[in-house]
Each structure stands twice: as C-alpha cells, then as structure tokens.
Amino acid sequence: MSPETVYLGRDERPPGLEQIASGKVRDVYTLDAEHLLFVTTDRVSAFDVIMDAGVPFKGAVLTAIAAHWFARTADIVPNHLVSTSLDALEPFGVSLDASWRARLHGRIMVVKRCVPDPIEWVVRGYLAGSGWKEYQLRQSICGVALPHGLSQAEALPRPILTPTTKNDEHDQPLSPSEARALIGRARFEEGERICLALFERGTQELARIGIRLADTKFELGVRDGQVLLIDEALTPDSSRFWDNAQYRTQTSPPSFDKQILRDYLETLDWDKNYPAPEVDPAILERVSGRYREICERITGTDPGASSGPAPSAAPMNRPAHNGHA
C-alpha cells in the first residue's frame, strides 16, 4: 500500500480549512455558513476500535456509492449533496496544490448544512446480525413482533424500521415508541415513510444486479423545514449486501463489507479494546477488493482501477430516477 492509495486524515488536514468533527471514517470541515466539506478517509474500524492502517480506496468507494444513490433517490427525498468535484471548492476560497488534490481525489462531498436527526434510521429486510440474536431471545426486534419459526438470514414478511440512538461509541436500539418520543410523532412517521421507500428502491435496483439488501442505516436531517437524506446511503459501511449466488438461510451469508477484517481479528490475542493490533496488509487488501467489487457492481466503476473522478450519477446503461419529493 502506498500513500497514494491510503488516506487516513487524522492530523493530516487540508490547508486553510477548519475541521469541526472527525468520526470513525469521515472528517468534516466548515466551508461557509451554509455548506460543509465531508472528506471520506480510508480509516476502518472493527469492534468500535479504529485500526492504525487503512483500507485502500475505501473512501473513494464510499463516496462513489453514496453519490450514486443520492442521484437515484432524489425523487423520494432530496439530499444534502452539492458536488463531489474538487473544483467545487474554489468558490469557497479553497485552493489545493497538486499533492492535496491527489490525496482528496474521489473522496470529498460538498454538502448543505442541516440539523441531523438524533436517531439513525435502520431498516431490516432479513433476519441477520444483532436482529437475529434478539429474535432468538424475544421473537422480536426493537419491540417489533415477528412470526414464530423464522430462520437466520430469512426474509422478513415485510421490511421493518428498527431505529437506534446516535452515539460515537456504540448505538443503542430504540423501540418505535421510544423513537417517536425522541423526535415527535409527525417527524417519526415522515422518516419511517421515507426510509421504507428508500429501502424498497435499493432492494429493487440491487436485485437487478444479483444483490440482496439485508439491512441498512439511513440518516436524515432538516434544513429550512425540509427533510434531507444526509451522510451516506446504501454503502457497504452502512448496509449488509449479500450476493444472490452465495445466499443461504440458516447461516450468515458472506457480505460485501469488512467481515474479512473482523474474522481475522477474532484469530488474534486481542481484547477488542484500544490500542488496535497490527493488521496484516494482505487482509486490508482483501477488504479493499470486496469494497471495490460492490462499487463496480453498483456504480459501474472501480475507484482502484481508474483515475477518473468519483461518479455523481447513475451509470448510463441503467434507467435513472428523476424528480423531487
């Protein structure tokens, strides 16, 4: 891995920009009173601990896939994305030299400022992960009752909303009634309608390319009284994708995410607390390959194989959805 393919951010910051937040993956900078700059790094975490090394091209993959879905869901709900082009920074007085343009290429989003919801909108279409564990104990997920006798990885009778709190360390599940109390009935019902429609759109489009959408997390915010889709959408960091060819019930199908890393870490003598252990570079390359594969299948592009800009619209050979909510 070379500096040209891995960008970790952290103390390495674009000159002339004020960083106002830094999460597990994204660094956020202020541009003006109305706009922010999101920089999606190649950082990767597991068991809520950020690794010291990154996954090549991960930031570019997440940016490309998020931009793809923002373009293809704007008829359901508008979103916060303004541009993924580095040239869009110039009107804000941001001038980057060639070195910084290379480091940030394909991994930025200029976005509209908004007030994020205090919850994360998780939608599940299949019984997997923590949902499967809870179902075995209670025959429900986040207070939503489910039929008896469902198997691991089985499709639910219908997609369900299982919101969580928003926490930097570890999100906590909420029942629908708890989420309503937190953000208000009207906002909850509007968010539920939007997120179930987004999940249906993702399910339909991914089915055409042989991918099952097991579950995903959306984030919503409000700007001037209008609800916006924000952060990212239907990426391998926020979603569980299964390949149709490998899908089976009564087991956990392989997914297009960092499961390879989690499985590797389980073999180490590590207590899952900071500091993170050293990770074999070959493992990070394998994780990169999974991210790049799902990116190419969804967007038609592989950031690791092209020096072109991150796509901000759907591939030309697929029908686009236009319009606004």
Protein backbone atom coordinates (compact mmCIF):
# COMPACT_ATOMS: atom_id res chain seq x y z
CA MET A 1 0.00 0.00 0.00
CA SER A 2 1.32 3.41 -0.88
CA PRO A 3 0.49 6.92 0.38
CA GLU A 4 -1.27 7.49 -2.93
CA THR A 5 -3.84 4.76 -2.25
CA VAL A 6 -4.45 5.20 1.51
CA TYR A 7 -5.56 8.45 3.17
CA LEU A 8 -6.13 8.35 6.93
CA GLY A 9 -6.77 12.01 7.66
CA ARG A 10 -6.38 12.40 11.43
CA ASP A 11 -3.72 15.11 11.92
CA GLU A 12 -3.17 15.34 8.16
CA ARG A 13 -5.61 18.09 7.22
CA PRO A 14 -6.17 20.10 4.05
CA PRO A 15 -4.60 23.55 4.44
CA GLY A 16 -6.82 26.53 5.15
CA LEU A 17 -9.80 24.52 6.37
CA GLU A 18 -11.24 24.32 9.88
CA GLN A 19 -12.08 20.80 10.99
CA ILE A 20 -15.23 20.73 13.12
CA ALA A 21 -15.76 16.99 13.50
CA SER A 22 -13.98 13.70 12.95
CA GLY A 23 -15.72 10.34 13.11
CA LYS A 24 -14.66 6.77 12.51
CA VAL A 25 -14.43 7.37 8.75
CA ARG A 26 -15.32 10.97 7.84
CA ASP A 27 -13.65 14.27 8.63
CA VAL A 28 -15.89 17.33 8.45
CA TYR A 29 -14.71 20.86 7.62
CA THR A 30 -16.55 24.16 7.51
CA LEU A 31 -16.79 25.97 4.17
CA ASP A 32 -19.26 28.75 4.98
CA ALA A 33 -22.47 29.32 6.92
CA GLU A 34 -24.43 27.13 4.53
CA HIS A 35 -22.01 24.39 3.47
CA LEU A 36 -19.68 21.74 4.86
CA LEU A 37 -16.93 19.62 3.35
CA PHE A 38 -17.02 15.88 4.01
CA VAL A 39 -13.75 14.03 3.47
CA THR A 40 -14.21 10.25 3.50
CA THR A 41 -10.96 8.68 4.64
CA ASP A 42 -9.73 5.11 4.30
CA ARG A 43 -9.95 4.53 8.05
CA VAL A 44 -11.56 1.27 9.10
CA SER A 45 -12.87 0.18 12.49
CA ALA A 46 -13.85 -3.13 14.00
CA PHE A 47 -15.45 -3.79 17.36
CA ASP A 48 -15.67 0.02 17.74
CA VAL A 49 -11.87 0.44 17.55
CA ILE A 50 -10.25 2.30 14.64
CA MET A 51 -7.33 0.39 13.14
CA ASP A 52 -3.97 2.13 12.68
CA ALA A 53 -3.82 1.18 8.99
CA GLY A 54 -6.46 1.88 6.36
CA VAL A 55 -8.21 0.07 3.53
CA PRO A 56 -7.00 1.16 0.08
CA PHE A 57 -9.64 3.08 -1.93
CA LYS A 58 -12.30 2.67 0.78
CA GLY A 59 -13.05 6.40 0.96
CA ALA A 60 -13.42 6.68 -2.81
CA VAL A 61 -15.71 3.63 -2.85
CA LEU A 62 -17.99 5.04 -0.16
CA THR A 63 -18.13 8.44 -1.87
CA ALA A 64 -18.91 6.95 -5.28
CA ILE A 65 -21.67 4.67 -3.97
CA ALA A 66 -23.25 7.39 -1.81
CA ALA A 67 -23.28 9.81 -4.76
CA HIS A 68 -24.84 7.11 -6.94
CA TRP A 69 -27.74 6.58 -4.53
CA PHE A 70 -28.22 10.27 -3.82
CA ALA A 71 -28.77 10.75 -7.55
CA ARG A 72 -31.14 7.79 -7.84
CA THR A 73 -33.34 8.54 -4.83
CA ALA A 74 -33.89 12.29 -5.19
CA ASP A 75 -37.47 11.64 -6.28
CA ILE A 76 -38.14 10.04 -2.88
CA VAL A 77 -36.36 12.60 -0.71
CA PRO A 78 -33.93 15.43 -1.51
CA ASN A 79 -30.41 15.11 -0.13
CA HIS A 80 -27.59 17.28 1.13
CA LEU A 81 -25.08 16.63 -1.68
CA VAL A 82 -23.93 19.63 -3.72
CA SER A 83 -20.89 18.20 -5.52
CA THR A 84 -18.16 15.53 -5.40
CA SER A 85 -15.78 17.62 -7.53
CA LEU A 86 -12.67 19.22 -6.08
CA ASP A 87 -13.33 22.18 -8.38
CA ALA A 88 -16.46 22.91 -6.32
CA LEU A 89 -14.17 24.07 -3.50
CA GLU A 90 -12.83 27.04 -5.45
CA PRO A 91 -15.91 29.29 -4.90
CA PHE A 92 -15.31 28.86 -1.17
CA GLY A 93 -11.76 30.19 -1.50
CA VAL A 94 -10.15 26.78 -1.04
CA SER A 95 -7.06 26.32 -3.18
CA LEU A 96 -5.35 22.93 -3.15
CA ASP A 97 -1.97 22.13 -4.64
CA ALA A 98 -1.42 19.05 -6.78
CA SER A 99 -0.40 16.92 -3.81
CA TRP A 100 -3.58 17.65 -1.88
CA ARG A 101 -5.77 17.26 -4.95
CA ALA A 102 -4.31 13.78 -5.42
CA ARG A 103 -4.93 12.85 -1.78
CA LEU A 104 -8.54 14.09 -1.80
CA HIS A 105 -9.44 12.94 -5.30
CA GLY A 106 -12.67 10.96 -5.34
CA ARG A 107 -13.29 11.21 -1.59
CA ILE A 108 -14.96 14.60 -0.99
CA MET A 109 -18.53 15.82 -0.80
CA VAL A 110 -19.57 19.44 -0.60
CA VAL A 111 -22.86 19.31 1.30
CA LYS A 112 -25.58 21.61 2.61
CA ARG A 113 -25.61 22.21 6.34
CA CYS A 114 -28.62 20.85 8.20
CA VAL A 115 -29.69 19.70 11.65
CA PRO A 116 -29.25 15.90 11.85
CA ASP A 117 -31.90 13.75 13.49
CA PRO A 118 -30.85 12.40 16.92
CA ILE A 119 -31.58 8.84 15.73
CA GLU A 120 -30.31 6.55 12.99
CA TRP A 121 -32.96 5.02 10.76
CA VAL A 122 -32.18 1.31 10.45
CA VAL A 123 -34.31 -0.74 8.07
CA ARG A 124 -34.19 -4.55 8.03
CA GLY A 125 -35.45 -6.84 5.31
CA TYR A 126 -33.84 -10.05 6.53
CA LEU A 127 -33.11 -11.67 9.88
CA ALA A 128 -29.37 -11.14 10.41
CA GLY A 129 -26.73 -9.80 12.77
CA SER A 130 -27.96 -8.34 16.04
CA GLY A 131 -31.52 -8.71 14.79
CA TRP A 132 -31.14 -12.49 14.58
CA LYS A 133 -29.66 -12.60 18.09
CA GLU A 134 -32.54 -10.58 19.53
CA TYR A 135 -35.14 -12.60 17.65
CA GLN A 136 -33.84 -15.82 19.19
CA LEU A 137 -34.30 -14.33 22.66
CA ARG A 138 -37.57 -12.43 22.26
CA GLN A 139 -39.11 -13.27 18.86
CA SER A 140 -38.97 -9.54 18.13
CA ILE A 141 -36.51 -6.82 17.08
CA CYS A 142 -36.54 -3.43 18.84
CA GLY A 143 -40.06 -4.08 20.07
CA VAL A 144 -41.38 -5.13 16.64
CA ALA A 145 -43.01 -8.57 17.00
CA LEU A 146 -42.13 -11.15 14.33
CA PRO A 147 -43.66 -14.52 13.37
CA HIS A 148 -42.51 -17.69 15.11
CA GLY A 149 -40.13 -20.08 13.37
CA LEU A 150 -38.06 -17.75 11.18
CA SER A 151 -34.53 -18.90 10.26
CA GLN A 152 -31.26 -16.98 10.26
CA ALA A 153 -30.93 -14.90 7.06
CA GLU A 154 -34.60 -15.50 6.17
CA ALA A 155 -36.53 -12.66 4.55
CA LEU A 156 -38.91 -10.88 6.92
CA PRO A 157 -42.61 -10.78 5.99
CA ARG A 158 -42.03 -7.08 5.25
CA PRO A 159 -39.16 -4.64 5.90
CA ILE A 160 -39.23 -3.13 9.39
CA LEU A 161 -37.81 0.04 10.89
CA THR A 162 -35.59 -0.56 13.94
CA PRO A 163 -34.09 2.84 14.88
CA THR A 164 -31.11 3.37 17.14
CA THR A 165 -29.63 6.18 19.15
CA LYS A 166 -26.74 8.09 17.60
CA ASN A 167 -23.61 7.51 19.65
CA ASP A 168 -19.92 7.83 18.77
CA GLU A 169 -19.08 4.76 20.83
CA HIS A 170 -21.96 2.34 20.32
CA ASP A 171 -25.51 2.91 19.06
CA GLN A 172 -28.33 1.65 21.29
CA PRO A 173 -31.55 0.15 19.88
CA LEU A 174 -34.82 2.03 20.24
CA SER A 175 -38.38 0.79 20.01
CA PRO A 176 -40.65 2.70 17.59
CA SER A 177 -42.44 4.27 20.59
CA GLU A 178 -39.13 5.42 22.09
CA ALA A 179 -38.07 6.94 18.76
CA ARG A 180 -41.42 8.73 18.44
CA ALA A 181 -40.98 10.21 21.89
CA LEU A 182 -37.47 11.37 20.98
CA ILE A 183 -38.22 13.20 17.72
CA GLY A 184 -42.02 13.61 17.74
CA ARG A 185 -44.78 11.55 16.14
CA ALA A 186 -45.05 13.57 12.91
CA ARG A 187 -41.30 13.51 12.22
CA PHE A 188 -41.10 9.81 13.05
CA GLU A 189 -43.93 8.90 10.70
CA GLU A 190 -42.43 11.01 7.91
CA GLY A 191 -38.99 9.46 8.46
CA GLU A 192 -40.44 5.95 8.52
CA ARG A 193 -42.25 6.55 5.23
CA ILE A 194 -39.11 7.95 3.59
CA CYS A 195 -36.74 5.24 4.82
CA LEU A 196 -39.03 2.35 3.90
CA ALA A 197 -39.37 3.86 0.40
CA LEU A 198 -35.58 4.22 0.15
CA PHE A 199 -35.15 0.60 1.24
CA GLU A 200 -37.64 -0.54 -1.39
CA ARG A 201 -35.81 1.43 -4.10
CA GLY A 202 -32.47 -0.05 -3.05
CA THR A 203 -33.93 -3.56 -2.90
CA GLN A 204 -35.40 -3.30 -6.39
CA GLU A 205 -32.30 -1.86 -8.04
CA LEU A 206 -29.86 -4.19 -6.31
CA ALA A 207 -31.97 -7.22 -7.25
CA ARG A 208 -31.30 -6.41 -10.91
CA ILE A 209 -27.58 -6.95 -10.34
CA GLY A 210 -27.92 -10.06 -8.21
CA ILE A 211 -27.53 -8.42 -4.79
CA ARG A 212 -29.83 -8.77 -1.78
CA LEU A 213 -30.16 -5.83 0.58
CA ALA A 214 -30.41 -7.44 4.02
CA ASP A 215 -30.43 -4.26 6.11
CA THR A 216 -29.16 -0.71 6.04
CA LYS A 217 -28.90 2.51 8.01
CA PHE A 218 -30.09 5.91 6.78
CA GLU A 219 -29.51 9.32 8.30
CA LEU A 220 -31.91 12.22 7.89
CA GLY A 221 -31.63 15.90 8.72
CA VAL A 222 -33.70 19.06 8.43
CA ARG A 223 -32.80 22.24 6.57
CA ASP A 224 -35.24 25.18 6.35
CA GLY A 225 -38.07 22.89 7.36
CA GLN A 226 -37.29 20.30 4.67
CA VAL A 227 -36.18 16.75 5.42
CA LEU A 228 -32.95 15.70 3.65
CA LEU A 229 -31.14 12.39 3.23
CA ILE A 230 -27.64 13.01 4.61
CA ASP A 231 -24.27 11.43 5.38
CA GLU A 232 -24.24 8.34 3.11
CA ALA A 233 -26.74 5.93 1.60
CA LEU A 234 -26.67 2.21 0.82
CA THR A 235 -22.90 1.82 1.10
CA PRO A 236 -21.01 -1.25 2.39
CA ASP A 237 -20.29 0.67 5.60
CA SER A 238 -23.99 1.31 6.27
CA SER A 239 -25.53 -1.80 4.68
CA ARG A 240 -25.42 -5.58 4.64
CA PHE A 241 -25.24 -6.76 1.00
CA TRP A 242 -25.48 -10.43 0.03
CA ASP A 243 -24.64 -11.95 -3.34
CA ASN A 244 -27.58 -14.00 -4.67
CA ALA A 245 -25.20 -16.75 -5.71
CA GLN A 246 -23.98 -17.21 -2.12
CA TYR A 247 -27.27 -16.62 -0.31
CA ARG A 248 -28.46 -19.35 2.04
CA THR A 249 -30.74 -19.39 5.08
CA GLN A 250 -29.83 -20.96 8.44
CA THR A 251 -26.37 -19.43 8.18
CA SER A 252 -24.74 -16.00 7.85
CA PRO A 253 -24.11 -15.36 4.12
CA PRO A 254 -20.85 -13.58 3.24
CA SER A 255 -21.34 -9.84 2.87
CA PHE A 256 -19.64 -7.05 0.94
CA ASP A 257 -18.08 -5.30 3.91
CA LYS A 258 -15.27 -5.59 6.45
CA GLN A 259 -16.27 -9.03 7.76
CA ILE A 260 -12.92 -10.33 6.49
CA LEU A 261 -11.21 -7.96 8.93
CA ARG A 262 -13.46 -8.92 11.84
CA ASP A 263 -12.86 -12.61 11.19
CA TYR A 264 -9.09 -12.02 11.11
CA LEU A 265 -9.14 -10.05 14.36
CA GLU A 266 -11.03 -12.87 16.06
CA THR A 267 -7.97 -15.08 15.49
CA LEU A 268 -5.66 -12.68 17.38
CA ASP A 269 -4.90 -12.43 21.06
CA TRP A 270 -6.69 -9.07 21.37
CA ASP A 271 -9.28 -7.95 23.93
CA LYS A 272 -11.16 -5.72 21.41
CA ASN A 273 -10.11 -2.55 23.23
CA TYR A 274 -7.77 0.27 22.22
CA PRO A 275 -5.00 0.13 21.09
CA ALA A 276 -5.75 -1.74 17.89
CA PRO A 277 -3.50 -4.62 16.87
CA GLU A 278 -1.32 -4.51 13.78
CA VAL A 279 -3.26 -5.83 10.79
CA ASP A 280 -1.71 -7.96 8.06
CA PRO A 281 -1.63 -5.77 4.90
CA ALA A 282 -2.92 -8.74 2.88
CA ILE A 283 -6.12 -8.68 4.95
CA LEU A 284 -6.63 -4.99 4.22
CA GLU A 285 -6.11 -5.64 0.51
CA ARG A 286 -8.77 -8.36 0.62
CA VAL A 287 -11.19 -5.99 2.34
CA SER A 288 -10.41 -3.40 -0.34
CA GLY A 289 -11.21 -5.96 -3.01
CA ARG A 290 -14.69 -6.58 -1.52
CA TYR A 291 -15.41 -2.84 -1.36
CA ARG A 292 -14.20 -2.29 -4.91
CA GLU A 293 -16.24 -5.22 -6.20
CA ILE A 294 -19.52 -3.96 -4.78
CA CYS A 295 -18.71 -0.45 -6.02
CA GLU A 296 -18.20 -1.70 -9.56
CA ARG A 297 -21.39 -3.74 -9.47
CA ILE A 298 -23.48 -0.83 -8.18
CA THR A 299 -21.95 2.16 -9.99
CA GLY A 300 -20.18 0.55 -12.93
CA THR A 301 -16.81 1.97 -11.80
CA ASP A 302 -13.87 0.73 -9.71
CA PRO A 303 -12.00 3.59 -7.99
CA GLY A 304 -8.94 1.39 -7.75
CA ALA A 305 -8.77 0.83 -11.49
CA SER A 306 -9.43 4.36 -12.71
CA SER A 307 -8.01 7.80 -12.11
CA GLY A 308 -11.26 9.42 -13.21
CA PRO A 309 -13.49 11.43 -10.86
CA ALA A 310 -15.86 9.74 -8.45
CA PRO A 311 -19.21 9.27 -10.21
CA SER A 312 -22.03 11.55 -9.12
CA ALA A 313 -24.79 9.94 -11.18
CA ALA A 314 -26.01 6.51 -12.22
CA PRO A 315 -24.25 4.52 -14.96
CA MET A 316 -25.54 5.35 -18.43
CA ASN A 317 -26.81 1.83 -19.11
CA ARG A 318 -29.30 1.90 -16.23
CA PRO A 319 -32.55 3.87 -16.09
CA ALA A 320 -32.28 6.88 -13.80
CA HIS A 321 -34.97 8.22 -11.49
CA ASN A 322 -35.51 11.95 -11.70
CA GLY A 323 -37.58 14.48 -9.85
CA HIS A 324 -38.03 15.64 -6.27
CA ALA A 325 -40.09 14.72 -3.27
